[in-house]
């Protein structure tokens, strides 16, 4: 495999990281809703808000890293396509032909 081509593991790793970050954000949003609707003492609420703020900072850092990784992979894909445009054109035509044949058979039944 060409070094400019991202591996499936890289792509799946980014997808897993994005899913994990989404879960963390949902948890934080739930915590924020609970805090704004609670009658907790001010000091406990303040501590929880600090914890949430720290978690948000970690999420922002992770999102930045995720963005950098995805940009890097997209740049690799772009370079590879530009280096081998006919290969990708032929590949896309082959995929279209196969999908057309499979889809055409299903429509005729």
Protein backbone atom coordinates (compact mmCIF):
# COMPACT_ATOMS: atom_id res chain seq x y z
CA UNK A 1 0.00 0.00 0.00
CA UNK A 2 1.24 3.47 -0.85
CA UNK A 3 2.43 5.53 2.13
CA UNK A 4 0.08 8.35 1.07
CA UNK A 5 -2.93 6.07 1.27
CA UNK A 6 -4.60 6.06 4.71
CA UNK A 7 -5.21 2.65 6.19
CA UNK A 8 -8.59 1.39 7.28
CA UNK A 9 -7.24 1.33 10.84
CA UNK A 10 -6.53 5.08 10.66
CA UNK A 11 -10.01 5.83 9.34
CA UNK A 12 -11.70 3.54 11.88
CA UNK A 13 -9.56 5.02 14.65
CA UNK A 14 -10.80 8.49 13.82
CA UNK A 15 -14.39 7.24 13.66
CA UNK A 16 -14.03 5.60 17.09
CA UNK A 17 -12.47 8.75 18.54
CA UNK A 18 -15.27 10.91 17.11
CA UNK A 19 -17.89 8.57 18.56
CA UNK A 20 -16.17 8.63 21.94
CA UNK A 21 -16.05 12.43 21.92
CA UNK A 22 -19.71 12.60 20.98
CA UNK A 23 -20.55 10.41 23.99
CA UNK A 24 -18.48 12.62 26.27
CA UNK A 25 -20.22 15.74 24.98
CA UNK A 26 -23.64 14.17 25.54
CA UNK A 27 -22.64 13.29 29.11
CA UNK A 28 -21.44 16.85 29.74
CA UNK A 29 -24.63 18.32 28.35
CA UNK A 30 -26.64 16.07 30.66
CA UNK A 31 -24.52 17.17 33.63
CA UNK A 32 -24.97 20.83 32.74
CA UNK A 33 -28.76 20.38 32.48
CA UNK A 34 -28.80 18.66 35.88
CA UNK A 35 -26.71 21.43 37.46
CA UNK A 36 -28.87 24.22 36.12
CA UNK A 37 -32.02 22.50 37.38
CA UNK A 38 -30.68 21.47 40.79
CA UNK A 39 -30.77 23.07 44.21
CA UNK A 40 -27.23 22.02 45.17
CA UNK A 41 -25.14 24.19 47.46
CA UNK A 42 -23.11 26.80 45.62
CA UNK A 43 -19.71 25.26 46.48
CA UNK A 44 -20.69 21.83 45.16
CA UNK A 45 -22.15 23.37 42.02
CA UNK A 46 -18.99 25.41 41.51
CA UNK A 47 -16.81 22.31 41.85
CA UNK A 48 -18.92 20.46 39.33
CA UNK A 49 -18.78 23.39 36.93
CA UNK A 50 -14.96 23.39 37.22
CA UNK A 51 -14.92 19.65 36.48
CA UNK A 52 -17.17 20.19 33.47
CA UNK A 53 -14.95 23.01 32.28
CA UNK A 54 -11.89 20.75 32.53
CA UNK A 55 -13.69 18.02 30.63
CA UNK A 56 -14.65 20.49 27.92
CA UNK A 57 -11.01 21.56 27.60
CA UNK A 58 -9.97 17.93 27.13
CA UNK A 59 -12.69 17.45 24.54
CA UNK A 60 -11.56 20.58 22.68
CA UNK A 61 -8.00 19.25 22.60
CA UNK A 62 -9.19 15.87 21.37
CA UNK A 63 -11.35 17.50 18.71
CA UNK A 64 -8.34 19.51 17.54
CA UNK A 65 -6.26 16.35 17.28
CA UNK A 66 -9.09 14.57 15.50
CA UNK A 67 -9.42 17.46 13.07
CA UNK A 68 -5.69 17.38 12.39
CA UNK A 69 -5.74 13.62 11.80
CA UNK A 70 -8.72 13.78 9.47
CA UNK A 71 -7.15 16.68 7.53
CA UNK A 72 -3.94 14.67 7.19
CA UNK A 73 -5.82 11.65 5.86
CA UNK A 74 -7.84 13.77 3.44
CA UNK A 75 -4.65 15.39 2.16
CA UNK A 76 -3.10 11.95 1.63
CA UNK A 77 -6.17 10.81 -0.28
CA UNK A 78 -6.14 13.99 -2.37
CA UNK A 79 -2.45 13.57 -3.25
CA UNK A 80 -2.99 9.93 -4.14
CA UNK A 81 -5.95 10.74 -6.39
CA UNK A 82 -4.01 13.53 -8.09
CA UNK A 83 -1.02 11.21 -8.61
CA UNK A 84 -3.20 8.42 -10.08
CA UNK A 85 -6.34 10.03 -11.54
CA UNK A 86 -6.95 7.41 -14.23
CA UNK A 87 -6.81 4.61 -11.70
CA UNK A 88 -9.58 6.26 -9.68
CA UNK A 89 -11.63 7.04 -12.79
CA UNK A 90 -11.44 3.40 -13.88
CA UNK A 91 -12.24 2.24 -10.35
CA UNK A 92 -15.26 4.53 -10.11
CA UNK A 93 -16.49 3.37 -13.52
CA UNK A 94 -16.09 -0.27 -12.49
CA UNK A 95 -18.00 0.28 -9.26
CA UNK A 96 -20.74 2.10 -11.18
CA UNK A 97 -20.95 -0.69 -13.73
CA UNK A 98 -21.18 -3.37 -11.03
CA UNK A 99 -23.82 -1.44 -9.09
CA UNK A 100 -25.75 -0.84 -12.30
CA UNK A 101 -25.72 -4.53 -13.18
CA UNK A 102 -26.78 -5.59 -9.67
CA UNK A 103 -29.42 -2.87 -9.42
CA UNK A 104 -30.68 -3.57 -12.95
CA UNK A 105 -31.19 -7.24 -12.17
CA UNK A 106 -33.18 -6.45 -9.07
CA UNK A 107 -35.43 -4.01 -10.93
CA UNK A 108 -36.18 -6.55 -13.66
CA UNK A 109 -37.44 -9.19 -11.25
